[in-house]
Amino acid sequence: MFQKKIKIAKLVCECWAKKIFFQLISIDSVEKVHLDILSNSVVIFSKKDLSIATIKKEFFGLQIYEMT
């Protein structure tokens, strides 16, 4: 079971969502990444305690929400 689920939502376009998707899959603490083309968003799953602050440092200026 995943400990954290974080969503990066309302990206400008599909190309931004894909770009961020490929950046996220290279981060060690990220276990799984779901790319949602219809809503131009990315959902991050992690078994470790991944903080929103860590993701925000990587992607300054994006709307990031923690999903419970």
PDB file of N, CA and C in Angstrom:
ATOM      1  N   MET A   1       0.846  -1.184   0.000  1.00  0.00           N
ATOM      2  CA  MET A   1       0.000   0.000   0.000  1.00  0.00           C
ATOM      3  C   MET A   1       0.887   1.241   0.000  1.00  0.00           C
ATOM      4  N   PHE A   2       0.466   2.229  -0.737  1.00  0.00           N
ATOM      5  CA  PHE A   2       1.239   3.457  -0.830  1.00  0.00           C
ATOM      6  C   PHE A   2       0.941   4.358   0.361  1.00  0.00           C
ATOM      7  N   GLN A   3       1.997   5.019   0.858  1.00  0.00           N
ATOM      8  CA  GLN A   3       1.854   5.903   2.005  1.00  0.00           C
ATOM      9  C   GLN A   3       1.409   7.301   1.587  1.00  0.00           C
ATOM     10  N   LYS A   4       1.889   7.767   0.452  1.00  0.00           N
ATOM     11  CA  LYS A   4       1.569   9.116  -0.018  1.00  0.00           C
ATOM     12  C   LYS A   4       1.005   9.074  -1.424  1.00  0.00           C
ATOM     13  N   LYS A   5       0.073   9.992  -1.681  1.00  0.00           N
ATOM     14  CA  LYS A   5      -0.483  10.176  -3.019  1.00  0.00           C
ATOM     15  C   LYS A   5      -0.581  11.681  -3.238  1.00  0.00           C
ATOM     16  N   ILE A   6       0.182  12.196  -4.176  1.00  0.00           N
ATOM     17  CA  ILE A   6       0.241  13.629  -4.444  1.00  0.00           C
ATOM     18  C   ILE A   6      -0.156  13.860  -5.895  1.00  0.00           C
ATOM     19  N   LYS A   7      -0.973  14.886  -6.120  1.00  0.00           N
ATOM     20  CA  LYS A   7      -1.428  15.186  -7.477  1.00  0.00           C
ATOM     21  C   LYS A   7      -0.916  16.550  -7.916  1.00  0.00           C
ATOM     22  N   ILE A   8      -0.342  16.595  -9.103  1.00  0.00           N
ATOM     23  CA  ILE A   8       0.036  17.853  -9.745  1.00  0.00           C
ATOM     24  C   ILE A   8      -1.012  18.068 -10.827  1.00  0.00           C
ATOM     25  N   ALA A   9      -1.858  19.079 -10.630  1.00  0.00           N
ATOM     26  CA  ALA A   9      -3.046  19.236 -11.465  1.00  0.00           C
ATOM     27  C   ALA A   9      -3.017  20.496 -12.311  1.00  0.00           C
ATOM     28  N   LYS A  10      -3.909  20.509 -13.304  1.00  0.00           N
ATOM     29  CA  LYS A  10      -4.152  21.662 -14.169  1.00  0.00           C
ATOM     30  C   LYS A  10      -2.883  22.169 -14.852  1.00  0.00           C
ATOM     31  N   LEU A  11      -2.122  21.246 -15.399  1.00  0.00           N
ATOM     32  CA  LEU A  11      -0.937  21.637 -16.158  1.00  0.00           C
ATOM     33  C   LEU A  11      -1.378  22.286 -17.465  1.00  0.00           C
ATOM     34  N   VAL A  12      -0.540  23.114 -18.017  1.00  0.00           N
ATOM     35  CA  VAL A  12      -0.888  23.925 -19.185  1.00  0.00           C
ATOM     36  C   VAL A  12      -1.339  23.075 -20.367  1.00  0.00           C
ATOM     37  N   CYS A  13      -0.626  21.999 -20.619  1.00  0.00           N
ATOM     38  CA  CYS A  13      -0.956  21.171 -21.776  1.00  0.00           C
ATOM     39  C   CYS A  13      -0.450  19.748 -21.569  1.00  0.00           C
ATOM     40  N   GLU A  14      -0.765  18.889 -22.501  1.00  0.00           N
ATOM     41  CA  GLU A  14      -0.338  17.498 -22.448  1.00  0.00           C
ATOM     42  C   GLU A  14       1.180  17.376 -22.450  1.00  0.00           C
ATOM     43  N   CYS A  15       1.862  18.244 -23.183  1.00  0.00           N
ATOM     44  CA  CYS A  15       3.322  18.162 -23.254  1.00  0.00           C
ATOM     45  C   CYS A  15       3.966  18.463 -21.895  1.00  0.00           C
ATOM     46  N   TRP A  16       3.383  19.392 -21.120  1.00  0.00           N
ATOM     47  CA  TRP A  16       3.887  19.675 -19.766  1.00  0.00           C
ATOM     48  C   TRP A  16       3.674  18.469 -18.866  1.00  0.00           C
ATOM     49  N   ALA A  17       2.514  17.846 -18.963  1.00  0.00           N
ATOM     50  CA  ALA A  17       2.224  16.671 -18.145  1.00  0.00           C
ATOM     51  C   ALA A  17       3.219  15.553 -18.448  1.00  0.00           C
ATOM     52  N   LYS A  18       3.505  15.343 -19.713  1.00  0.00           N
ATOM     53  CA  LYS A  18       4.470  14.308 -20.097  1.00  0.00           C
ATOM     54  C   LYS A  18       5.873  14.654 -19.617  1.00  0.00           C
ATOM     55  N   LYS A  19       6.261  15.909 -19.736  1.00  0.00           N
ATOM     56  CA  LYS A  19       7.594  16.342 -19.292  1.00  0.00           C
ATOM     57  C   LYS A  19       7.766  16.088 -17.793  1.00  0.00           C
ATOM     58  N   ILE A  20       6.773  16.470 -17.006  1.00  0.00           N
ATOM     59  CA  ILE A  20       6.838  16.279 -15.559  1.00  0.00           C
ATOM     60  C   ILE A  20       6.794  14.795 -15.210  1.00  0.00           C
ATOM     61  N   PHE A  21       5.988  14.030 -15.925  1.00  0.00           N
ATOM     62  CA  PHE A  21       5.916  12.583 -15.717  1.00  0.00           C
ATOM     63  C   PHE A  21       7.302  11.959 -15.824  1.00  0.00           C
ATOM     64  N   PHE A  22       8.026  12.290 -16.880  1.00  0.00           N
ATOM     65  CA  PHE A  22       9.342  11.695 -17.084  1.00  0.00           C
ATOM     66  C   PHE A  22      10.370  12.190 -16.074  1.00  0.00           C
ATOM     67  N   GLN A  23      10.217  13.399 -15.558  1.00  0.00           N
ATOM     68  CA  GLN A  23      11.104  13.877 -14.499  1.00  0.00           C
ATOM     69  C   GLN A  23      10.823  13.141 -13.192  1.00  0.00           C
ATOM     70  N   LEU A  24       9.564  12.883 -12.911  1.00  0.00           N
ATOM     71  CA  LEU A  24       9.186  12.229 -11.659  1.00  0.00           C
ATOM     72  C   LEU A  24       9.626  10.775 -11.591  1.00  0.00           C
ATOM     73  N   ILE A  25       9.574  10.062 -12.695  1.00  0.00           N
ATOM     74  CA  ILE A  25       9.934   8.642 -12.642  1.00  0.00           C
ATOM     75  C   ILE A  25      11.414   8.435 -12.353  1.00  0.00           C
ATOM     76  N   SER A  26      12.211   9.488 -12.464  1.00  0.00           N
ATOM     77  CA  SER A  26      13.634   9.362 -12.160  1.00  0.00           C
ATOM     78  C   SER A  26      13.955   9.625 -10.688  1.00  0.00           C
ATOM     79  N   ILE A  27      12.990  10.079  -9.891  1.00  0.00           N
ATOM     80  CA  ILE A  27      13.209  10.344  -8.467  1.00  0.00           C
ATOM     81  C   ILE A  27      13.093   9.033  -7.694  1.00  0.00           C
ATOM     82  N   ASP A  28      14.095   8.731  -6.867  1.00  0.00           N
ATOM     83  CA  ASP A  28      14.153   7.454  -6.155  1.00  0.00           C
ATOM     84  C   ASP A  28      12.988   7.219  -5.200  1.00  0.00           C
ATOM     85  N   SER A  29      12.512   8.246  -4.526  1.00  0.00           N
ATOM     86  CA  SER A  29      11.451   8.066  -3.531  1.00  0.00           C
ATOM     87  C   SER A  29      10.064   7.903  -4.153  1.00  0.00           C
ATOM     88  N   VAL A  30       9.958   8.069  -5.459  1.00  0.00           N
ATOM     89  CA  VAL A  30       8.683   7.900  -6.165  1.00  0.00           C
ATOM     90  C   VAL A  30       8.564   6.446  -6.618  1.00  0.00           C
ATOM     91  N   GLU A  31       7.474   5.798  -6.209  1.00  0.00           N
ATOM     92  CA  GLU A  31       7.256   4.391  -6.553  1.00  0.00           C
ATOM     93  C   GLU A  31       6.481   4.221  -7.858  1.00  0.00           C
ATOM     94  N   LYS A  32       5.491   5.094  -8.072  1.00  0.00           N
ATOM     95  CA  LYS A  32       4.611   4.958  -9.232  1.00  0.00           C
ATOM     96  C   LYS A  32       4.122   6.346  -9.630  1.00  0.00           C
ATOM     97  N   VAL A  33       3.976   6.578 -10.927  1.00  0.00           N
ATOM     98  CA  VAL A  33       3.464   7.848 -11.431  1.00  0.00           C
ATOM     99  C   VAL A  33       2.360   7.546 -12.444  1.00  0.00           C
ATOM    100  N   HIS A  34       1.219   8.215 -12.271  1.00  0.00           N
ATOM    101  CA  HIS A  34       0.088   8.043 -13.189  1.00  0.00           C
ATOM    102  C   HIS A  34      -0.087   9.326 -13.992  1.00  0.00           C
ATOM    103  N   LEU A  35      -0.038   9.210 -15.294  1.00  0.00           N
ATOM    104  CA  LEU A  35      -0.222  10.343 -16.197  1.00  0.00           C
ATOM    105  C   LEU A  35      -1.664  10.343 -16.691  1.00  0.00           C
ATOM    106  N   ASP A  36      -2.401  11.420 -16.400  1.00  0.00           N
ATOM    107  CA  ASP A  36      -3.792  11.556 -16.833  1.00  0.00           C
ATOM    108  C   ASP A  36      -3.848  12.607 -17.938  1.00  0.00           C
ATOM    109  N   ILE A  37      -3.884  12.153 -19.171  1.00  0.00           N
ATOM    110  CA  ILE A  37      -3.863  13.046 -20.334  1.00  0.00           C
ATOM    111  C   ILE A  37      -5.128  13.903 -20.411  1.00  0.00           C
ATOM    112  N   LEU A  38      -6.275  13.350 -20.073  1.00  0.00           N
ATOM    113  CA  LEU A  38      -7.540  14.085 -20.190  1.00  0.00           C
ATOM    114  C   LEU A  38      -7.580  15.336 -19.315  1.00  0.00           C
ATOM    115  N   SER A  39      -7.000  15.261 -18.120  1.00  0.00           N
ATOM    116  CA  SER A  39      -7.023  16.418 -17.216  1.00  0.00           C
ATOM    117  C   SER A  39      -5.672  17.126 -17.134  1.00  0.00           C
ATOM    118  N   ASN A  40      -4.710  16.701 -17.938  1.00  0.00           N
ATOM    119  CA  ASN A  40      -3.353  17.267 -17.907  1.00  0.00           C
ATOM    120  C   ASN A  40      -2.802  17.297 -16.485  1.00  0.00           C
ATOM    121  N   SER A  41      -2.845  16.148 -15.829  1.00  0.00           N
ATOM    122  CA  SER A  41      -2.348  16.056 -14.463  1.00  0.00           C
ATOM    123  C   SER A  41      -1.504  14.805 -14.285  1.00  0.00           C
ATOM    124  N   VAL A  42      -0.755  14.804 -13.186  1.00  0.00           N
ATOM    125  CA  VAL A  42       0.115  13.690 -12.847  1.00  0.00           C
ATOM    126  C   VAL A  42      -0.142  13.344 -11.384  1.00  0.00           C
ATOM    127  N   VAL A  43      -0.288  12.050 -11.075  1.00  0.00           N
ATOM    128  CA  VAL A  43      -0.464  11.599  -9.699  1.00  0.00           C
ATOM    129  C   VAL A  43       0.769  10.794  -9.313  1.00  0.00           C
ATOM    130  N   ILE A  44       1.340  11.138  -8.154  1.00  0.00           N
ATOM    131  CA  ILE A  44       2.568  10.510  -7.670  1.00  0.00           C
ATOM    132  C   ILE A  44       2.213   9.602  -6.500  1.00  0.00           C
ATOM    133  N   PHE A  45       2.702   8.372  -6.524  1.00  0.00           N
ATOM    134  CA  PHE A  45       2.506   7.425  -5.433  1.00  0.00           C
ATOM    135  C   PHE A  45       3.871   7.090  -4.844  1.00  0.00           C
ATOM    136  N   SER A  46       3.932   7.039  -3.509  1.00  0.00           N
ATOM    137  CA  SER A  46       5.186   6.721  -2.851  1.00  0.00           C
ATOM    138  C   SER A  46       4.928   5.879  -1.614  1.00  0.00           C
ATOM    139  N   LYS A  47       5.771   4.877  -1.393  1.00  0.00           N
ATOM    140  CA  LYS A  47       5.680   4.078  -0.175  1.00  0.00           C
ATOM    141  C   LYS A  47       6.396   4.783   0.969  1.00  0.00           C
ATOM    142  N   LYS A  48       7.304   5.676   0.635  1.00  0.00           N
ATOM    143  CA  LYS A  48       8.033   6.443   1.644  1.00  0.00           C
ATOM    144  C   LYS A  48       7.265   7.726   1.926  1.00  0.00           C
ATOM    145  N   ASP A  49       7.671   8.415   2.966  1.00  0.00           N
ATOM    146  CA  ASP A  49       7.021   9.674   3.329  1.00  0.00           C
ATOM    147  C   ASP A  49       7.570  10.787   2.441  1.00  0.00           C
ATOM    148  N   LEU A  50       7.012  10.904   1.278  1.00  0.00           N
ATOM    149  CA  LEU A  50       7.406  11.920   0.308  1.00  0.00           C
ATOM    150  C   LEU A  50       6.661  13.205   0.626  1.00  0.00           C
ATOM    151  N   SER A  51       7.393  14.295   0.795  1.00  0.00           N
ATOM    152  CA  SER A  51       6.734  15.546   1.173  1.00  0.00           C
ATOM    153  C   SER A  51       6.383  16.377  -0.057  1.00  0.00           C
ATOM    154  N   ILE A  52       5.349  17.173   0.102  1.00  0.00           N
ATOM    155  CA  ILE A  52       4.949  18.086  -0.962  1.00  0.00           C
ATOM    156  C   ILE A  52       6.046  19.116  -1.186  1.00  0.00           C
ATOM    157  N   ALA A  53       6.725  19.505  -0.122  1.00  0.00           N
ATOM    158  CA  ALA A  53       7.809  20.491  -0.233  1.00  0.00           C
ATOM    159  C   ALA A  53       8.912  19.993  -1.157  1.00  0.00           C
ATOM    160  N   THR A  54       9.218  18.709  -1.089  1.00  0.00           N
ATOM    161  CA  THR A  54      10.240  18.129  -1.965  1.00  0.00           C
ATOM    162  C   THR A  54       9.829  18.244  -3.425  1.00  0.00           C
ATOM    163  N   ILE A  55       8.579  17.936  -3.715  1.00  0.00           N
ATOM    164  CA  ILE A  55       8.080  18.022  -5.084  1.00  0.00           C
ATOM    165  C   ILE A  55       8.028  19.475  -5.539  1.00  0.00           C
ATOM    166  N   LYS A  56       7.601  20.374  -4.667  1.00  0.00           N
ATOM    167  CA  LYS A  56       7.516  21.794  -5.025  1.00  0.00           C
ATOM    168  C   LYS A  56       8.886  22.370  -5.358  1.00  0.00           C
ATOM    169  N   LYS A  57       9.928  21.888  -4.694  1.00  0.00           N
ATOM    170  CA  LYS A  57      11.288  22.347  -5.009  1.00  0.00           C
ATOM    171  C   LYS A  57      11.665  21.970  -6.435  1.00  0.00           C
ATOM    172  N   GLU A  58      11.246  20.791  -6.850  1.00  0.00           N
ATOM    173  CA  GLU A  58      11.550  20.315  -8.197  1.00  0.00           C
ATOM    174  C   GLU A  58      10.741  21.054  -9.259  1.00  0.00           C
ATOM    175  N   PHE A  59       9.514  21.422  -8.925  1.00  0.00           N
ATOM    176  CA  PHE A  59       8.600  22.012  -9.899  1.00  0.00           C
ATOM    177  C   PHE A  59       8.004  23.297  -9.360  1.00  0.00           C
ATOM    178  N   PHE A  60       8.792  24.318  -9.233  1.00  0.00           N
ATOM    179  CA  PHE A  60       8.366  25.598  -8.668  1.00  0.00           C
ATOM    180  C   PHE A  60       7.234  26.206  -9.492  1.00  0.00           C
ATOM    181  N   GLY A  61       6.189  26.675  -8.809  1.00  0.00           N
ATOM    182  CA  GLY A  61       5.105  27.390  -9.470  1.00  0.00           C
ATOM    183  C   GLY A  61       3.921  26.552  -9.914  1.00  0.00           C
ATOM    184  N   LEU A  62       3.941  25.254  -9.654  1.00  0.00           N
ATOM    185  CA  LEU A  62       2.819  24.406 -10.053  1.00  0.00           C
ATOM    186  C   LEU A  62       1.851  24.217  -8.896  1.00  0.00           C
ATOM    187  N   GLN A  63       0.594  23.941  -9.211  1.00  0.00           N
ATOM    188  CA  GLN A  63      -0.402  23.643  -8.183  1.00  0.00           C
ATOM    189  C   GLN A  63      -0.254  22.183  -7.792  1.00  0.00           C
ATOM    190  N   ILE A  64       0.111  21.945  -6.534  1.00  0.00           N
ATOM    191  CA  ILE A  64       0.329  20.587  -6.054  1.00  0.00           C
ATOM    192  C   ILE A  64      -0.562  20.352  -4.846  1.00  0.00           C
ATOM    193  N   TYR A  65      -1.313  19.246  -4.863  1.00  0.00           N
ATOM    194  CA  TYR A  65      -2.244  18.917  -3.786  1.00  0.00           C
ATOM    195  C   TYR A  65      -1.938  17.530  -3.247  1.00  0.00           C
ATOM    196  N   GLU A  66      -2.084  17.364  -1.938  1.00  0.00           N
ATOM    197  CA  GLU A  66      -1.950  16.045  -1.333  1.00  0.00           C
ATOM    198  C   GLU A  66      -3.327  15.409  -1.300  1.00  0.00           C
ATOM    199  N   MET A  67      -3.429  14.192  -1.783  1.00  0.00           N
ATOM    200  CA  MET A  67      -4.711  13.489  -1.821  1.00  0.00           C
ATOM    201  C   MET A  67      -4.773  12.517  -0.653  1.00  0.00           C
ATOM    202  N   THR A  68      -5.881  12.524   0.056  1.00  0.00           N
ATOM    203  CA  THR A  68      -6.021  11.615   1.197  1.00  0.00           C
ATOM    204  C   THR A  68      -7.012  10.523   0.901  1.00  0.00           C
TER     205      THR A  68
END
